[in-house]
PDB file of all heavy atoms in Angstrom:
ATOM      1  N   LEU A   1       0.899  -1.191  -0.011  1.00  0.00           N
ATOM      2  CA  LEU A   1      -0.038  -0.065   0.055  1.00  0.00           C
ATOM      3  C   LEU A   1       0.831   1.256  -0.011  1.00  0.00           C
ATOM      4  O   LEU A   1       0.538   2.161  -0.761  1.00  0.00           O
ATOM      5  CB  LEU A   1      -0.985  -0.040   1.244  1.00  0.00           C
ATOM      6  CG  LEU A   1      -2.149  -0.872   1.193  1.00  0.00           C
ATOM      7  CD1 LEU A   1      -2.798  -0.929   2.509  1.00  0.00           C
ATOM      8  CD2 LEU A   1      -3.102  -0.464  -0.045  1.00  0.00           C
ATOM      9  N   LYS A   2       1.890   1.211   0.850  1.00  0.00           N
ATOM     10  CA  LYS A   2       2.722   2.459   0.883  1.00  0.00           C
ATOM     11  C   LYS A   2       3.476   2.707  -0.300  1.00  0.00           C
ATOM     12  O   LYS A   2       3.614   3.869  -0.771  1.00  0.00           O
ATOM     13  CB  LYS A   2       3.722   2.297   2.178  1.00  0.00           C
ATOM     14  CG  LYS A   2       4.227   3.625   2.646  1.00  0.00           C
ATOM     15  CD  LYS A   2       4.811   3.576   3.935  1.00  0.00           C
ATOM     16  CE  LYS A   2       5.145   5.000   4.510  1.00  0.00           C
ATOM     17  NZ  LYS A   2       5.659   4.863   5.854  1.00  0.00           N
ATOM     18  N   LEU A   3       3.964   1.670  -0.986  1.00  0.00           N
ATOM     19  CA  LEU A   3       4.599   1.817  -2.231  1.00  0.00           C
ATOM     20  C   LEU A   3       3.718   2.402  -3.311  1.00  0.00           C
ATOM     21  O   LEU A   3       4.042   3.292  -3.975  1.00  0.00           O
ATOM     22  CB  LEU A   3       5.117   0.438  -2.766  1.00  0.00           C
ATOM     23  CG  LEU A   3       6.448   0.054  -2.300  1.00  0.00           C
ATOM     24  CD1 LEU A   3       6.742  -1.394  -2.755  1.00  0.00           C
ATOM     25  CD2 LEU A   3       7.559   0.854  -2.766  1.00  0.00           C
ATOM     26  N   GLY A   4       2.426   1.950  -3.332  1.00  0.00           N
ATOM     27  CA  GLY A   4       1.431   2.369  -4.277  1.00  0.00           C
ATOM     28  C   GLY A   4       1.112   3.845  -4.013  1.00  0.00           C
ATOM     29  O   GLY A   4       1.000   4.623  -4.966  1.00  0.00           O
ATOM     30  N   LEU A   5       0.962   4.241  -2.837  1.00  0.00           N
ATOM     31  CA  LEU A   5       0.689   5.669  -2.545  1.00  0.00           C
ATOM     32  C   LEU A   5       1.816   6.603  -2.953  1.00  0.00           C
ATOM     33  O   LEU A   5       1.520   7.639  -3.461  1.00  0.00           O
ATOM     34  CB  LEU A   5       0.406   5.858  -1.013  1.00  0.00           C
ATOM     35  CG  LEU A   5      -0.971   5.242  -0.452  1.00  0.00           C
ATOM     36  CD1 LEU A   5      -1.005   5.333   1.013  1.00  0.00           C
ATOM     37  CD2 LEU A   5      -2.131   6.036  -1.056  1.00  0.00           C
ATOM     38  N   THR A   6       3.039   6.149  -2.669  1.00  0.00           N
ATOM     39  CA  THR A   6       4.221   6.959  -3.015  1.00  0.00           C
ATOM     40  C   THR A   6       4.311   7.149  -4.624  1.00  0.00           C
ATOM     41  O   THR A   6       4.531   8.272  -5.056  1.00  0.00           O
ATOM     42  CB  THR A   6       5.486   6.435  -2.512  1.00  0.00           C
ATOM     43  OG1 THR A   6       5.331   6.187  -1.120  1.00  0.00           O
ATOM     44  CG2 THR A   6       6.620   7.261  -2.818  1.00  0.00           C
ATOM     45  N   VAL A   7       4.122   6.086  -5.298  1.00  0.00           N
ATOM     46  CA  VAL A   7       4.210   6.178  -6.735  1.00  0.00           C
ATOM     47  C   VAL A   7       3.157   7.078  -7.262  1.00  0.00           C
ATOM     48  O   VAL A   7       3.413   7.855  -8.172  1.00  0.00           O
ATOM     49  CB  VAL A   7       3.961   4.755  -7.375  1.00  0.00           C
ATOM     50  CG1 VAL A   7       3.728   4.845  -8.970  1.00  0.00           C
ATOM     51  CG2 VAL A   7       5.101   3.853  -7.077  1.00  0.00           C
ATOM     52  N   MET A   8       2.010   7.049  -6.717  1.00  0.00           N
ATOM     53  CA  MET A   8       0.880   7.917  -7.134  1.00  0.00           C
ATOM     54  C   MET A   8       1.060   9.432  -6.812  1.00  0.00           C
ATOM     55  O   MET A   8       0.785  10.242  -7.495  1.00  0.00           O
ATOM     56  CB  MET A   8      -0.463   7.532  -6.563  1.00  0.00           C
ATOM     57  CG  MET A   8      -0.996   6.250  -7.023  1.00  0.00           C
ATOM     58  SD  MET A   8      -2.371   5.592  -6.240  1.00  0.00           S
ATOM     59  CE  MET A   8      -3.551   6.875  -6.652  1.00  0.00           C
ATOM     60  N   ALA A   9       1.815   9.564  -5.632  1.00  0.00           N
ATOM     61  CA  ALA A   9       2.051  10.977  -5.188  1.00  0.00           C
ATOM     62  C   ALA A   9       3.222  11.745  -5.905  1.00  0.00           C
ATOM     63  O   ALA A   9       3.166  13.012  -5.988  1.00  0.00           O
ATOM     64  CB  ALA A   9       2.241  10.973  -3.650  1.00  0.00           C
ATOM     65  N   PHE A  10       3.993  10.970  -6.507  1.00  0.00           N
ATOM     66  CA  PHE A  10       5.194  11.538  -7.094  1.00  0.00           C
ATOM     67  C   PHE A  10       4.893  12.223  -8.380  1.00  0.00           C
ATOM     68  O   PHE A  10       4.550  11.528  -9.302  1.00  0.00           O
ATOM     69  CB  PHE A  10       6.290  10.426  -7.251  1.00  0.00           C
ATOM     70  CG  PHE A  10       7.660  10.868  -6.949  1.00  0.00           C
ATOM     71  CD1 PHE A  10       8.302  10.320  -5.764  1.00  0.00           C
ATOM     72  CD2 PHE A  10       8.344  11.750  -7.739  1.00  0.00           C
ATOM     73  CE1 PHE A  10       9.610  10.786  -5.556  1.00  0.00           C
ATOM     74  CE2 PHE A  10       9.620  12.160  -7.318  1.00  0.00           C
ATOM     75  CZ  PHE A  10      10.220  11.674  -6.269  1.00  0.00           C
ATOM     76  N   GLY A  11       5.106  13.441  -8.380  1.00  0.00           N
ATOM     77  CA  GLY A  11       4.713  14.231  -9.596  1.00  0.00           C
ATOM     78  C   GLY A  11       5.857  14.798 -10.338  1.00  0.00           C
ATOM     79  O   GLY A  11       5.667  15.543 -11.304  1.00  0.00           O
ATOM     80  N   LEU A  12       7.101  14.305 -10.126  1.00  0.00           N
ATOM     81  CA  LEU A  12       8.136  14.842 -10.840  1.00  0.00           C
ATOM     82  C   LEU A  12       8.751  14.155 -12.000  1.00  0.00           C
ATOM     83  O   LEU A  12       9.660  14.589 -12.581  1.00  0.00           O
ATOM     84  CB  LEU A  12       9.377  14.854  -9.735  1.00  0.00           C
ATOM     85  CG  LEU A  12       9.310  16.068  -8.638  1.00  0.00           C
ATOM     86  CD1 LEU A  12      10.218  15.777  -7.565  1.00  0.00           C
ATOM     87  CD2 LEU A  12       9.653  17.327  -9.260  1.00  0.00           C
ATOM     88  N   VAL A  13       8.064  13.079 -12.348  1.00  0.00           N
ATOM     89  CA  VAL A  13       8.466  12.300 -13.564  1.00  0.00           C
ATOM     90  C   VAL A  13       8.621  13.126 -14.769  1.00  0.00           C
ATOM     91  O   VAL A  13       9.493  12.863 -15.616  1.00  0.00           O
ATOM     92  CB  VAL A  13       7.590  11.059 -13.716  1.00  0.00           C
ATOM     93  CG1 VAL A  13       6.269  11.504 -14.217  1.00  0.00           C
ATOM     94  CG2 VAL A  13       8.284  10.078 -14.726  1.00  0.00           C
ATOM     95  N   SER A  14       7.865  14.186 -14.933  1.00  0.00           N
ATOM     96  CA  SER A  14       7.924  14.899 -16.137  1.00  0.00           C
ATOM     97  C   SER A  14       9.066  15.880 -16.258  1.00  0.00           C
ATOM     98  O   SER A  14       9.228  16.417 -17.227  1.00  0.00           O
ATOM     99  CB  SER A  14       6.594  15.777 -16.257  1.00  0.00           C
ATOM    100  OG  SER A  14       6.518  16.693 -15.200  1.00  0.00           O
ATOM    101  N   LEU A  15       9.804  16.025 -15.141  1.00  0.00           N
ATOM    102  CA  LEU A  15      10.985  16.892 -15.230  1.00  0.00           C
ATOM    103  C   LEU A  15      12.093  16.293 -15.965  1.00  0.00           C
ATOM    104  O   LEU A  15      13.044  17.048 -16.384  1.00  0.00           O
ATOM    105  CB  LEU A  15      11.458  17.260 -13.790  1.00  0.00           C
ATOM    106  CG  LEU A  15      10.507  18.186 -12.916  1.00  0.00           C
ATOM    107  CD1 LEU A  15      10.955  18.231 -11.596  1.00  0.00           C
ATOM    108  CD2 LEU A  15      10.292  19.567 -13.640  1.00  0.00           C
ATOM    109  N   GLY A  16      12.117  15.036 -16.126  1.00  0.00           N
ATOM    110  CA  GLY A  16      13.315  14.351 -16.825  1.00  0.00           C
ATOM    111  C   GLY A  16      12.798  13.381 -17.893  1.00  0.00           C
ATOM    112  O   GLY A  16      11.567  13.152 -17.942  1.00  0.00           O
ATOM    113  N   ALA A  17      13.637  12.892 -18.683  1.00  0.00           N
ATOM    114  CA  ALA A  17      13.173  11.953 -19.687  1.00  0.00           C
ATOM    115  C   ALA A  17      14.365  10.932 -20.084  1.00  0.00           C
ATOM    116  O   ALA A  17      15.378  11.320 -20.098  1.00  0.00           O
ATOM    117  CB  ALA A  17      12.794  12.702 -20.989  1.00  0.00           C
ATOM    118  N   GLY A  18      13.874   9.667 -20.244  1.00  0.00           N
ATOM    119  CA  GLY A  18      14.835   8.582 -20.672  1.00  0.00           C
ATOM    120  C   GLY A  18      15.896   8.325 -19.597  1.00  0.00           C
ATOM    121  O   GLY A  18      17.024   7.892 -19.999  1.00  0.00           O
ATOM    122  N   VAL A  19      15.564   8.501 -18.333  1.00  0.00           N
ATOM    123  CA  VAL A  19      16.610   8.239 -17.219  1.00  0.00           C
ATOM    124  C   VAL A  19      16.234   6.890 -16.651  1.00  0.00           C
ATOM    125  O   VAL A  19      15.119   6.596 -16.271  1.00  0.00           O
ATOM    126  CB  VAL A  19      16.570   9.333 -16.149  1.00  0.00           C
ATOM    127  CG1 VAL A  19      17.579   8.951 -15.049  1.00  0.00           C
ATOM    128  CG2 VAL A  19      16.853  10.724 -16.762  1.00  0.00           C
ATOM    129  N   THR A  20      17.202   6.011 -16.640  1.00  0.00           N
ATOM    130  CA  THR A  20      16.961   4.661 -15.941  1.00  0.00           C
ATOM    131  C   THR A  20      17.125   4.719 -14.425  1.00  0.00           C
ATOM    132  O   THR A  20      17.847   5.756 -13.874  1.00  0.00           O
ATOM    133  CB  THR A  20      17.919   3.617 -16.428  1.00  0.00           C
ATOM    134  OG1 THR A  20      19.277   3.961 -16.161  1.00  0.00           O
ATOM    135  CG2 THR A  20      17.851   3.503 -18.074  1.00  0.00           C
ATOM    136  N   ALA A  21      16.639   3.726 -13.779  1.00  0.00           N
ATOM    137  CA  ALA A  21      16.778   3.839 -12.338  1.00  0.00           C
ATOM    138  C   ALA A  21      18.269   3.674 -11.801  1.00  0.00           C
ATOM    139  O   ALA A  21      18.668   4.038 -10.781  1.00  0.00           O
ATOM    140  CB  ALA A  21      15.942   2.679 -11.656  1.00  0.00           C
ATOM    141  N   GLN A  22      19.115   3.112 -12.826  1.00  0.00           N
ATOM    142  CA  GLN A  22      20.533   2.874 -12.459  1.00  0.00           C
ATOM    143  C   GLN A  22      21.330   4.052 -12.804  1.00  0.00           C
ATOM    144  O   GLN A  22      22.613   4.013 -12.621  1.00  0.00           O
ATOM    145  CB  GLN A  22      21.001   1.635 -13.089  1.00  0.00           C
ATOM    146  CG  GLN A  22      20.396   0.364 -12.581  1.00  0.00           C
ATOM    147  CD  GLN A  22      19.000   0.085 -13.033  1.00  0.00           C
ATOM    148  OE1 GLN A  22      18.695   0.500 -14.106  1.00  0.00           O
ATOM    149  NE2 GLN A  22      18.113  -0.510 -12.210  1.00  0.00           N
ATOM    150  N   ALA A  23      20.826   5.146 -13.251  1.00  0.00           N
ATOM    151  CA  ALA A  23      21.575   6.256 -13.687  1.00  0.00           C
ATOM    152  C   ALA A  23      22.362   6.878 -12.537  1.00  0.00           C
ATOM    153  O   ALA A  23      21.886   6.990 -11.536  1.00  0.00           O
ATOM    154  CB  ALA A  23      20.727   7.372 -14.422  1.00  0.00           C
ATOM    155  N   LYS A  24      23.696   7.261 -12.847  1.00  0.00           N
ATOM    156  CA  LYS A  24      24.387   8.051 -11.845  1.00  0.00           C
ATOM    157  C   LYS A  24      23.874   9.394 -11.581  1.00  0.00           C
ATOM    158  O   LYS A  24      23.666  10.138 -12.552  1.00  0.00           O
ATOM    159  CB  LYS A  24      25.865   8.079 -12.227  1.00  0.00           C
ATOM    160  CG  LYS A  24      26.695   8.638 -11.166  1.00  0.00           C
ATOM    161  CD  LYS A  24      28.156   8.700 -11.717  1.00  0.00           C
ATOM    162  CE  LYS A  24      29.145   9.288 -10.610  1.00  0.00           C
ATOM    163  NZ  LYS A  24      30.556   9.341 -11.108  1.00  0.00           N
TER     164      LYS A  24
END
C-alpha cells in the first residue's frame, strides 16, 4: 500500500526523460 501511494504521489517524473533507475 505504501509503495502504491508513493508512486501515485510523485509528480516529478515529467521533469526528466529517458533516465533509468540505475543512472548516476
